[in-house]
Amino acid sequence: MDQETEKAIELICQYYNREPKFEKQGYSFSKGLWLMGNFGSGKTQMLKAYRDLHKIKGVTIGFQSCVDMNMRFLKKDEFTNQIARFDGIKVFSNKFDKVERIFDDLGEEETTVLDFGNKVCVMAHIVSERYKGLKNGCITHVTTNLTRQQISDIYGGRIESRINEMFNIINLGSKIDSPDYRKQ
């Protein structure tokens, strides 16, 4: 295990255990976790472990892929043949949501879908709505392979600007020689 991975695991454990050391390092318990870096660095597995630790305590943490969010938006009702649209994602974009939610692989999804001819970025909508509930305890976690610049280019400056306010940023696999743990 490299130092970056070890540090990430340590930070996630401090966050989970609400250790004062976490905040002394400049992080906050009122924010979610934003794990970013190369593919194969363990981001998804770390947040699945975080979710599973909560499950042991009887606490539910939602875990959804960003691709699935688009599918929920575009899903057709088998009886009415109507597309679910925002109703398909309303539980995930609820600014009053008290369930911590993990959105896995931001950037992997098709970033725009058509809604009555209008382009909609489903994940940008979800992040924006959850941002509105941040002060009310709406905690969001994200894994992504994208850089900050790519976030800005794809989702817009508004979403990129909110990252610092909504998330504790943890880098994994950010170095050129970072291991791809799937290949080992």
N, C-alpha and C. Protein backbone atom coordinates (compact mmCIF):
# COMPACT_ATOMS: atom_id res chain seq x y z
N MET A 1 0.85 -1.18 0.00
CA MET A 1 0.00 0.00 0.00
C MET A 1 0.89 1.24 0.00
N ASP A 2 0.58 2.19 -0.87
CA ASP A 2 1.38 3.41 -0.90
C ASP A 2 0.90 4.40 0.17
N GLN A 3 1.69 5.45 0.39
CA GLN A 3 1.39 6.42 1.45
C GLN A 3 0.07 7.15 1.22
N GLU A 4 -0.24 7.44 -0.03
CA GLU A 4 -1.47 8.15 -0.34
C GLU A 4 -2.69 7.31 0.04
N THR A 5 -2.65 6.03 -0.26
CA THR A 5 -3.74 5.13 0.07
C THR A 5 -3.86 4.98 1.59
N GLU A 6 -2.74 4.82 2.24
CA GLU A 6 -2.73 4.70 3.70
C GLU A 6 -3.32 5.95 4.35
N LYS A 7 -2.95 7.12 3.85
CA LYS A 7 -3.46 8.38 4.38
C LYS A 7 -4.97 8.48 4.16
N ALA A 8 -5.44 8.07 2.98
CA ALA A 8 -6.87 8.12 2.69
C ALA A 8 -7.66 7.22 3.64
N ILE A 9 -7.17 6.02 3.87
CA ILE A 9 -7.85 5.10 4.78
C ILE A 9 -7.88 5.69 6.19
N GLU A 10 -6.78 6.27 6.60
CA GLU A 10 -6.70 6.89 7.92
C GLU A 10 -7.73 8.03 8.05
N LEU A 11 -7.83 8.87 7.03
CA LEU A 11 -8.78 9.99 7.06
C LEU A 11 -10.23 9.49 7.09
N ILE A 12 -10.53 8.47 6.31
CA ILE A 12 -11.90 7.93 6.29
C ILE A 12 -12.24 7.33 7.64
N CYS A 13 -11.29 6.65 8.27
CA CYS A 13 -11.52 6.09 9.60
C CYS A 13 -11.74 7.20 10.63
N GLN A 14 -10.94 8.26 10.55
CA GLN A 14 -11.13 9.39 11.46
C GLN A 14 -12.50 10.03 11.26
N TYR A 15 -12.92 10.15 10.03
CA TYR A 15 -14.24 10.70 9.70
C TYR A 15 -15.33 9.81 10.28
N TYR A 16 -15.22 8.52 10.04
CA TYR A 16 -16.21 7.56 10.54
C TYR A 16 -16.32 7.60 12.06
N ASN A 17 -15.16 7.66 12.74
CA ASN A 17 -15.12 7.64 14.21
C ASN A 17 -15.29 9.02 14.84
N ARG A 18 -15.44 10.04 14.00
CA ARG A 18 -15.59 11.41 14.47
C ARG A 18 -14.45 11.82 15.41
N GLU A 19 -13.23 11.49 14.98
CA GLU A 19 -12.05 11.81 15.77
C GLU A 19 -11.71 13.29 15.64
N PRO A 20 -11.46 13.99 16.76
CA PRO A 20 -11.11 15.41 16.71
C PRO A 20 -9.90 15.70 15.81
N LYS A 21 -9.01 14.74 15.69
CA LYS A 21 -7.83 14.89 14.85
C LYS A 21 -8.21 15.23 13.40
N PHE A 22 -9.34 14.70 12.95
CA PHE A 22 -9.80 14.95 11.59
C PHE A 22 -10.02 16.44 11.35
N GLU A 23 -10.71 17.08 12.27
CA GLU A 23 -10.98 18.52 12.13
C GLU A 23 -9.73 19.35 12.36
N LYS A 24 -8.83 18.88 13.20
CA LYS A 24 -7.57 19.61 13.43
C LYS A 24 -6.72 19.67 12.17
N GLN A 25 -6.96 18.73 11.24
CA GLN A 25 -6.23 18.71 9.98
C GLN A 25 -6.92 19.57 8.91
N GLY A 26 -7.99 20.27 9.30
CA GLY A 26 -8.66 21.17 8.37
C GLY A 26 -9.89 20.59 7.69
N TYR A 27 -10.30 19.40 8.08
CA TYR A 27 -11.48 18.76 7.51
C TYR A 27 -12.70 19.05 8.39
N SER A 28 -13.88 18.64 7.93
CA SER A 28 -15.10 18.93 8.66
C SER A 28 -16.05 17.74 8.64
N PHE A 29 -16.69 17.49 9.77
CA PHE A 29 -17.69 16.42 9.86
C PHE A 29 -19.03 16.83 9.24
N SER A 30 -19.21 18.11 8.96
CA SER A 30 -20.46 18.56 8.35
C SER A 30 -20.42 18.47 6.82
N LYS A 31 -19.31 17.99 6.30
CA LYS A 31 -19.15 17.80 4.86
C LYS A 31 -19.07 16.30 4.56
N GLY A 32 -19.30 15.97 3.30
CA GLY A 32 -19.12 14.59 2.85
C GLY A 32 -17.69 14.36 2.40
N LEU A 33 -17.45 13.18 1.85
CA LEU A 33 -16.13 12.80 1.36
C LEU A 33 -16.13 12.85 -0.17
N TRP A 34 -15.08 13.40 -0.74
CA TRP A 34 -14.89 13.47 -2.18
C TRP A 34 -13.58 12.74 -2.47
N LEU A 35 -13.66 11.52 -2.95
CA LEU A 35 -12.47 10.74 -3.27
C LEU A 35 -12.20 10.85 -4.75
N MET A 36 -11.04 11.39 -5.08
CA MET A 36 -10.70 11.60 -6.49
C MET A 36 -9.32 11.05 -6.79
N GLY A 37 -9.17 10.58 -8.01
CA GLY A 37 -7.87 10.08 -8.45
C GLY A 37 -8.02 9.04 -9.54
N ASN A 38 -6.91 8.42 -9.86
CA ASN A 38 -6.87 7.44 -10.94
C ASN A 38 -7.78 6.26 -10.69
N PHE A 39 -8.14 5.60 -11.79
CA PHE A 39 -8.92 4.37 -11.71
C PHE A 39 -8.08 3.30 -11.03
N GLY A 40 -8.75 2.39 -10.34
CA GLY A 40 -8.05 1.29 -9.69
C GLY A 40 -7.34 1.65 -8.41
N SER A 41 -7.61 2.85 -7.88
CA SER A 41 -6.91 3.29 -6.66
C SER A 41 -7.64 2.92 -5.38
N GLY A 42 -8.84 2.35 -5.49
CA GLY A 42 -9.56 1.88 -4.32
C GLY A 42 -10.64 2.81 -3.79
N LYS A 43 -10.96 3.85 -4.51
CA LYS A 43 -11.95 4.84 -4.05
C LYS A 43 -13.30 4.19 -3.73
N THR A 44 -13.80 3.44 -4.68
CA THR A 44 -15.11 2.80 -4.50
C THR A 44 -15.08 1.82 -3.34
N GLN A 45 -14.04 1.01 -3.26
CA GLN A 45 -13.95 0.01 -2.19
C GLN A 45 -13.89 0.67 -0.81
N MET A 46 -13.20 1.79 -0.72
CA MET A 46 -13.11 2.49 0.57
C MET A 46 -14.48 3.00 1.01
N LEU A 47 -15.24 3.56 0.07
CA LEU A 47 -16.56 4.07 0.47
C LEU A 47 -17.56 2.94 0.67
N LYS A 48 -17.38 1.82 0.01
CA LYS A 48 -18.22 0.65 0.31
C LYS A 48 -17.92 0.15 1.71
N ALA A 49 -16.66 0.15 2.11
CA ALA A 49 -16.29 -0.25 3.47
C ALA A 49 -16.89 0.71 4.48
N TYR A 50 -16.84 2.01 4.19
CA TYR A 50 -17.44 3.03 5.05
C TYR A 50 -18.94 2.76 5.21
N ARG A 51 -19.61 2.48 4.09
CA ARG A 51 -21.04 2.16 4.12
C ARG A 51 -21.29 0.90 4.95
N ASP A 52 -20.48 -0.12 4.77
CA ASP A 52 -20.68 -1.39 5.48
C ASP A 52 -20.45 -1.25 6.98
N LEU A 53 -19.51 -0.40 7.38
CA LEU A 53 -19.31 -0.15 8.81
C LEU A 53 -20.56 0.47 9.42
N HIS A 54 -21.20 1.35 8.70
CA HIS A 54 -22.46 1.94 9.19
C HIS A 54 -23.57 0.89 9.26
N LYS A 55 -23.57 -0.01 8.29
CA LYS A 55 -24.60 -1.05 8.23
C LYS A 55 -24.54 -1.92 9.50
N ILE A 56 -23.34 -2.17 10.00
CA ILE A 56 -23.16 -2.94 11.23
C ILE A 56 -23.86 -2.24 12.40
N LYS A 57 -23.83 -0.92 12.40
CA LYS A 57 -24.49 -0.13 13.45
C LYS A 57 -25.99 0.03 13.19
N GLY A 58 -26.46 -0.48 12.05
CA GLY A 58 -27.87 -0.34 11.71
C GLY A 58 -28.20 0.97 11.02
N VAL A 59 -27.19 1.66 10.51
CA VAL A 59 -27.38 2.94 9.83
C VAL A 59 -27.27 2.70 8.32
N THR A 60 -28.26 3.19 7.60
CA THR A 60 -28.26 3.02 6.15
C THR A 60 -27.57 4.19 5.47
N ILE A 61 -26.68 3.86 4.55
CA ILE A 61 -26.07 4.85 3.69
C ILE A 61 -26.34 4.40 2.26
N GLY A 62 -26.94 5.27 1.47
CA GLY A 62 -27.26 4.93 0.09
C GLY A 62 -26.01 4.88 -0.76
N PHE A 63 -25.96 3.93 -1.67
CA PHE A 63 -24.83 3.80 -2.58
C PHE A 63 -25.39 3.64 -3.99
N GLN A 64 -25.14 4.64 -4.84
CA GLN A 64 -25.66 4.62 -6.19
C GLN A 64 -24.55 4.97 -7.18
N SER A 65 -24.57 4.31 -8.32
CA SER A 65 -23.64 4.73 -9.37
C SER A 65 -24.26 5.93 -10.08
N CYS A 66 -23.42 6.79 -10.59
CA CYS A 66 -23.91 7.96 -11.32
C CYS A 66 -24.59 7.53 -12.62
N VAL A 67 -24.13 6.43 -13.21
CA VAL A 67 -24.80 5.89 -14.40
C VAL A 67 -26.24 5.53 -14.05
N ASP A 68 -26.45 4.92 -12.88
CA ASP A 68 -27.79 4.53 -12.44
C ASP A 68 -28.71 5.74 -12.28
N MET A 69 -28.15 6.87 -11.90
CA MET A 69 -28.98 8.07 -11.74
C MET A 69 -29.59 8.47 -13.08
N ASN A 70 -28.80 8.41 -14.14
CA ASN A 70 -29.34 8.71 -15.48
C ASN A 70 -30.42 7.71 -15.85
N MET A 71 -30.18 6.44 -15.56
CA MET A 71 -31.17 5.40 -15.89
C MET A 71 -32.48 5.63 -15.14
N ARG A 72 -32.39 6.06 -13.90
CA ARG A 72 -33.61 6.35 -13.13
C ARG A 72 -34.37 7.53 -13.73
N PHE A 73 -33.62 8.51 -14.23
CA PHE A 73 -34.23 9.69 -14.86
C PHE A 73 -34.95 9.29 -16.15
N LEU A 74 -34.33 8.39 -16.91
CA LEU A 74 -34.85 8.02 -18.23
C LEU A 74 -35.78 6.81 -18.23
N LYS A 75 -35.96 6.18 -17.08
CA LYS A 75 -36.78 4.97 -17.01
C LYS A 75 -38.23 5.27 -17.39
N LYS A 76 -38.79 4.35 -18.16
CA LYS A 76 -40.20 4.49 -18.58
C LYS A 76 -41.09 3.63 -17.69
N ASP A 77 -42.24 4.18 -17.35
CA ASP A 77 -43.25 3.43 -16.61
C ASP A 77 -43.86 2.43 -17.58
N GLU A 78 -43.89 1.17 -17.19
CA GLU A 78 -44.36 0.12 -18.11
C GLU A 78 -45.84 0.24 -18.44
N PHE A 79 -46.63 0.91 -17.61
CA PHE A 79 -48.06 1.04 -17.89
C PHE A 79 -48.40 2.31 -18.66
N THR A 80 -47.77 3.42 -18.30
CA THR A 80 -48.11 4.69 -18.95
C THR A 80 -47.15 5.05 -20.08
N ASN A 81 -45.99 4.39 -20.11
CA ASN A 81 -44.94 4.66 -21.09
C ASN A 81 -44.36 6.07 -20.93
N GLN A 82 -44.59 6.66 -19.76
CA GLN A 82 -44.06 7.99 -19.46
C GLN A 82 -42.66 7.85 -18.86
N ILE A 83 -41.79 8.77 -19.22
CA ILE A 83 -40.43 8.79 -18.67
C ILE A 83 -40.50 9.37 -17.26
N ALA A 84 -39.76 8.76 -16.34
CA ALA A 84 -39.79 9.16 -14.93
C ALA A 84 -39.30 10.59 -14.73
N ARG A 85 -38.30 11.00 -15.49
CA ARG A 85 -37.72 12.33 -15.38
C ARG A 85 -37.29 12.64 -13.94
N PHE A 86 -37.60 13.82 -13.44
CA PHE A 86 -37.14 14.23 -12.12
C PHE A 86 -37.78 13.39 -11.00
N ASP A 87 -38.94 12.80 -11.25
CA ASP A 87 -39.55 11.92 -10.25
C ASP A 87 -38.67 10.70 -10.00
N GLY A 88 -37.92 10.28 -11.01
CA GLY A 88 -37.05 9.11 -10.87
C GLY A 88 -35.85 9.34 -9.98
N ILE A 89 -35.49 10.60 -9.78
CA ILE A 89 -34.31 10.91 -8.97
C ILE A 89 -34.63 11.78 -7.76
N LYS A 90 -35.91 12.03 -7.50
CA LYS A 90 -36.26 13.00 -6.45
C LYS A 90 -35.77 12.58 -5.06
N VAL A 91 -35.73 11.30 -4.77
CA VAL A 91 -35.26 10.87 -3.45
C VAL A 91 -33.76 11.16 -3.29
N PHE A 92 -33.02 11.16 -4.40
CA PHE A 92 -31.58 11.39 -4.36
C PHE A 92 -31.23 12.87 -4.39
N SER A 93 -32.12 13.68 -4.92
CA SER A 93 -31.86 15.12 -5.02
C SER A 93 -32.67 15.92 -4.00
N ASN A 94 -33.11 15.26 -2.96
CA ASN A 94 -33.92 15.90 -1.93
C ASN A 94 -33.00 16.66 -0.97
N LYS A 95 -33.14 17.97 -0.92
CA LYS A 95 -32.28 18.77 -0.06
C LYS A 95 -32.55 18.56 1.43
N PHE A 96 -33.62 17.84 1.77
CA PHE A 96 -33.93 17.53 3.16
C PHE A 96 -33.56 16.10 3.52
N ASP A 97 -32.86 15.43 2.64
CA ASP A 97 -32.48 14.03 2.81
C ASP A 97 -31.51 13.89 3.99
N LYS A 98 -31.87 13.08 4.95
CA LYS A 98 -31.01 12.82 6.11
C LYS A 98 -30.18 11.55 5.94
N VAL A 99 -30.37 10.85 4.81
CA VAL A 99 -29.58 9.66 4.51
C VAL A 99 -28.31 10.10 3.80
N GLU A 100 -27.16 9.71 4.36
CA GLU A 100 -25.92 9.97 3.64
C GLU A 100 -25.98 9.17 2.34
N ARG A 101 -25.53 9.77 1.26
CA ARG A 101 -25.55 9.09 -0.03
C ARG A 101 -24.18 9.14 -0.68
N ILE A 102 -23.80 8.01 -1.23
CA ILE A 102 -22.55 7.88 -1.98
C ILE A 102 -22.91 7.81 -3.45
N PHE A 103 -22.32 8.67 -4.25
CA PHE A 103 -22.49 8.63 -5.70
C PHE A 103 -21.14 8.21 -6.29
N ASP A 104 -21.15 7.04 -6.90
CA ASP A 104 -19.92 6.41 -7.37
C ASP A 104 -19.66 6.70 -8.83
N ASP A 105 -18.43 7.02 -9.13
CA ASP A 105 -17.95 7.23 -10.51
C ASP A 105 -18.58 8.43 -11.20
N LEU A 106 -18.54 9.57 -10.54
CA LEU A 106 -18.98 10.81 -11.19
C LEU A 106 -18.15 11.03 -12.44
N GLY A 107 -18.82 11.26 -13.56
CA GLY A 107 -18.13 11.44 -14.83
C GLY A 107 -18.23 10.22 -15.73
N GLU A 108 -18.61 9.10 -15.16
CA GLU A 108 -18.78 7.87 -15.93
C GLU A 108 -20.11 7.89 -16.70
N GLU A 109 -21.07 8.63 -16.18
CA GLU A 109 -22.40 8.69 -16.79
C GLU A 109 -22.40 9.60 -18.02
N GLU A 110 -23.39 9.43 -18.88
CA GLU A 110 -23.63 10.37 -19.97
C GLU A 110 -24.02 11.67 -19.28
N THR A 111 -23.30 12.74 -19.53
CA THR A 111 -23.49 13.93 -18.71
C THR A 111 -24.71 14.77 -19.10
N THR A 112 -25.26 14.55 -20.28
CA THR A 112 -26.50 15.25 -20.61
C THR A 112 -27.51 14.27 -21.17
N VAL A 113 -28.75 14.44 -20.75
CA VAL A 113 -29.87 13.67 -21.28
C VAL A 113 -30.90 14.68 -21.77
N LEU A 114 -31.75 14.25 -22.67
CA LEU A 114 -32.78 15.15 -23.18
C LEU A 114 -34.07 15.00 -22.39
N ASP A 115 -34.62 16.15 -22.00
CA ASP A 115 -35.89 16.20 -21.30
C ASP A 115 -36.78 17.17 -22.07
N PHE A 116 -37.67 16.63 -22.87
CA PHE A 116 -38.53 17.44 -23.75
C PHE A 116 -37.68 18.37 -24.62
N GLY A 117 -36.57 17.85 -25.13
CA GLY A 117 -35.70 18.62 -26.01
C GLY A 117 -34.69 19.49 -25.30
N ASN A 118 -34.81 19.61 -23.99
CA ASN A 118 -33.85 20.39 -23.20
C ASN A 118 -32.76 19.48 -22.67
N LYS A 119 -31.52 19.97 -22.70
CA LYS A 119 -30.42 19.18 -22.15
C LYS A 119 -30.41 19.31 -20.64
N VAL A 120 -30.32 18.16 -19.98
CA VAL A 120 -30.29 18.12 -18.52
C VAL A 120 -29.07 17.32 -18.09
N CYS A 121 -28.33 17.84 -17.14
CA CYS A 121 -27.22 17.11 -16.54
C CYS A 121 -27.72 16.59 -15.19
N VAL A 122 -28.05 15.32 -15.14
CA VAL A 122 -28.69 14.73 -13.97
C VAL A 122 -27.84 14.89 -12.71
N MET A 123 -26.57 14.54 -12.80
CA MET A 123 -25.72 14.61 -11.59
C MET A 123 -25.48 16.06 -11.15
N ALA A 124 -25.39 16.99 -12.08
CA ALA A 124 -25.26 18.40 -11.68
C ALA A 124 -26.51 18.83 -10.92
N HIS A 125 -27.68 18.38 -11.37
CA HIS A 125 -28.93 18.70 -10.68
C HIS A 125 -28.92 18.10 -9.26
N ILE A 126 -28.52 16.84 -9.15
CA ILE A 126 -28.50 16.18 -7.84
C ILE A 126 -27.54 16.88 -6.89
N VAL A 127 -26.33 17.17 -7.35
CA VAL A 127 -25.34 17.85 -6.49
C VAL A 127 -25.85 19.23 -6.09
N SER A 128 -26.44 19.96 -7.02
CA SER A 128 -26.97 21.30 -6.71
C SER A 128 -28.07 21.25 -5.65
N GLU A 129 -28.98 20.29 -5.79
CA GLU A 129 -30.06 20.18 -4.82
C GLU A 129 -29.55 19.75 -3.45
N ARG A 130 -28.61 18.82 -3.42
CA ARG A 130 -28.07 18.38 -2.14
C ARG A 130 -27.24 19.49 -1.49
N TYR A 131 -26.62 20.33 -2.30
CA TYR A 131 -25.89 21.49 -1.79
C TYR A 131 -26.83 22.41 -0.99
N LYS A 132 -28.04 22.58 -1.49
CA LYS A 132 -29.02 23.43 -0.81
C LYS A 132 -29.36 22.90 0.58
N GLY A 133 -29.21 21.60 0.79
CA GLY A 133 -29.53 21.01 2.08
C GLY A 133 -28.34 20.78 2.98
N LEU A 134 -27.16 21.22 2.55
CA LEU A 134 -25.93 20.99 3.31
C LEU A 134 -26.03 21.48 4.75
N LYS A 135 -26.58 22.65 4.95
CA LYS A 135 -26.69 23.22 6.30
C LYS A 135 -27.71 22.46 7.16
N ASN A 136 -28.56 21.67 6.51
CA ASN A 136 -29.55 20.86 7.23
C ASN A 136 -29.11 19.42 7.42
N GLY A 137 -27.84 19.13 7.15
CA GLY A 137 -27.33 17.78 7.37
C GLY A 137 -27.46 16.84 6.19
N CYS A 138 -27.63 17.37 5.00
CA CYS A 138 -27.71 16.55 3.78
C CYS A 138 -26.27 16.24 3.33
N ILE A 139 -25.79 15.06 3.72
CA ILE A 139 -24.39 14.70 3.48
C ILE A 139 -24.28 13.84 2.22
N THR A 140 -23.33 14.22 1.37
CA THR A 140 -23.11 13.56 0.09
C THR A 140 -21.65 13.15 0.00
N HIS A 141 -21.40 11.96 -0.55
CA HIS A 141 -20.05 11.46 -0.81
C HIS A 141 -19.94 11.15 -2.29
N VAL A 142 -18.76 11.34 -2.86
CA VAL A 142 -18.55 11.13 -4.29
C VAL A 142 -17.21 10.45 -4.53
N THR A 143 -17.19 9.55 -5.52
CA THR A 143 -15.92 9.06 -6.06
C THR A 143 -15.85 9.51 -7.51
N THR A 144 -14.66 9.87 -7.97
CA THR A 144 -14.50 10.31 -9.35
C THR A 144 -13.06 10.15 -9.80
N ASN A 145 -12.90 9.92 -11.09
CA ASN A 145 -11.58 9.92 -11.72
C ASN A 145 -11.26 11.29 -12.30
N LEU A 146 -12.21 12.20 -12.26
CA LEU A 146 -12.05 13.50 -12.88
C LEU A 146 -11.23 14.46 -12.02
N THR A 147 -10.52 15.35 -12.68
CA THR A 147 -9.80 16.43 -12.00
C THR A 147 -10.78 17.58 -11.75
N ARG A 148 -10.36 18.54 -10.97
CA ARG A 148 -11.19 19.72 -10.72
C ARG A 148 -11.51 20.44 -12.02
N GLN A 149 -10.52 20.57 -12.90
CA GLN A 149 -10.73 21.24 -14.18
C GLN A 149 -11.75 20.49 -15.03
N GLN A 150 -11.66 19.17 -15.03
CA GLN A 150 -12.62 18.37 -15.79
C GLN A 150 -14.04 18.52 -15.22
N ILE A 151 -14.14 18.60 -13.90
CA ILE A 151 -15.45 18.82 -13.26
C ILE A 151 -16.03 20.14 -13.76
N SER A 152 -15.20 21.17 -13.78
CA SER A 152 -15.65 22.48 -14.24
C SER A 152 -16.06 22.44 -15.71
N ASP A 153 -15.26 21.78 -16.54
CA ASP A 153 -15.55 21.69 -17.97
C ASP A 153 -16.83 20.93 -18.25
N ILE A 154 -17.06 19.83 -17.51
CA ILE A 154 -18.20 18.96 -17.79
C ILE A 154 -19.48 19.43 -17.10
N TYR A 155 -19.37 19.77 -15.82
CA TYR A 155 -20.56 20.08 -15.02
C TYR A 155 -20.77 21.58 -14.80
N GLY A 156 -19.76 22.36 -15.13
CA GLY A 156 -19.86 23.80 -14.98
C GLY A 156 -19.15 24.31 -13.74
N GLY A 157 -18.83 25.57 -13.77
CA GLY A 157 -18.11 26.21 -12.67
C GLY A 157 -18.88 26.21 -11.36
N ARG A 158 -20.21 26.25 -11.44
CA ARG A 158 -21.03 26.27 -10.22
C ARG A 158 -20.80 24.99 -9.40
N ILE A 159 -20.81 23.84 -10.05
CA ILE A 159 -20.61 22.57 -9.35
C ILE A 159 -19.18 22.50 -8.81
N GLU A 160 -18.21 22.85 -9.63
CA GLU A 160 -16.81 22.80 -9.20
C GLU A 160 -16.59 23.73 -8.01
N SER A 161 -17.25 24.88 -8.01
CA SER A 161 -17.12 25.85 -6.93
C SER A 161 -17.66 25.31 -5.60
N ARG A 162 -18.64 24.45 -5.67
CA ARG A 162 -19.28 23.94 -4.45
C ARG A 162 -18.52 22.77 -3.82
N ILE A 163 -17.55 22.24 -4.51
CA ILE A 163 -16.83 21.07 -4.01
C ILE A 163 -16.21 21.35 -2.64
N ASN A 164 -15.50 22.45 -2.51
CA ASN A 164 -14.84 22.75 -1.23
C ASN A 164 -15.82 22.92 -0.08
N GLU A 165 -16.99 23.48 -0.37
CA GLU A 165 -17.97 23.71 0.67
C GLU A 165 -18.70 22.43 1.08
N MET A 166 -18.88 21.52 0.13
CA MET A 166 -19.66 20.30 0.38
C MET A 166 -18.83 19.09 0.81
N PHE A 167 -17.53 19.11 0.47
CA PHE A 167 -16.76 17.87 0.60
C PHE A 167 -15.39 18.07 1.25
N ASN A 168 -14.96 17.01 1.92
CA ASN A 168 -13.59 16.85 2.37
C ASN A 168 -12.89 16.13 1.22
N ILE A 169 -11.94 16.78 0.59
CA ILE A 169 -11.30 16.23 -0.61
C ILE A 169 -10.14 15.32 -0.22
N ILE A 170 -10.19 14.09 -0.72
CA ILE A 170 -9.15 13.11 -0.47
C ILE A 170 -8.66 12.58 -1.81
N ASN A 171 -7.37 12.73 -2.07
CA ASN A 171 -6.77 12.27 -3.32
C ASN A 171 -6.26 10.84 -3.19
N LEU A 172 -6.53 10.06 -4.21
CA LEU A 172 -6.03 8.69 -4.29
C LEU A 172 -5.53 8.45 -5.71
N GLY A 173 -4.37 7.87 -5.84
CA GLY A 173 -3.87 7.57 -7.17
C GLY A 173 -3.63 8.83 -7.98
N SER A 174 -3.18 9.88 -7.33
CA SER A 174 -2.99 11.15 -8.03
C SER A 174 -1.61 11.28 -8.66
N LYS A 175 -0.72 10.36 -8.34
CA LYS A 175 0.64 10.42 -8.88
C LYS A 175 0.73 9.60 -10.16
N ILE A 176 1.64 9.96 -11.02
CA ILE A 176 1.81 9.27 -12.30
C ILE A 176 2.11 7.79 -12.09
N ASP A 177 2.87 7.46 -11.06
CA ASP A 177 3.25 6.06 -10.82
C ASP A 177 2.34 5.37 -9.80
N SER A 178 1.16 5.93 -9.56
CA SER A 178 0.22 5.32 -8.61
C SER A 178 -0.21 3.95 -9.10
N PRO A 179 -0.30 2.99 -8.16
CA PRO A 179 -0.68 1.63 -8.58
C PRO A 179 -2.15 1.52 -8.94
N ASP A 180 -2.45 0.64 -9.89
CA ASP A 180 -3.81 0.24 -10.20
C ASP A 180 -3.99 -1.07 -9.47
N TYR A 181 -4.71 -1.04 -8.34
CA TYR A 181 -4.83 -2.21 -7.49
C TYR A 181 -5.63 -3.34 -8.15
N ARG A 182 -6.35 -3.06 -9.20
CA ARG A 182 -7.05 -4.12 -9.92
C ARG A 182 -6.08 -4.99 -10.71
N LYS A 183 -4.91 -4.46 -11.04
CA LYS A 183 -3.94 -5.21 -11.82
C LYS A 183 -2.97 -6.01 -10.95
N GLN A 184 -3.09 -5.89 -9.66
CA GLN A 184 -2.14 -6.58 -8.78
C GLN A 184 -2.72 -7.88 -8.27
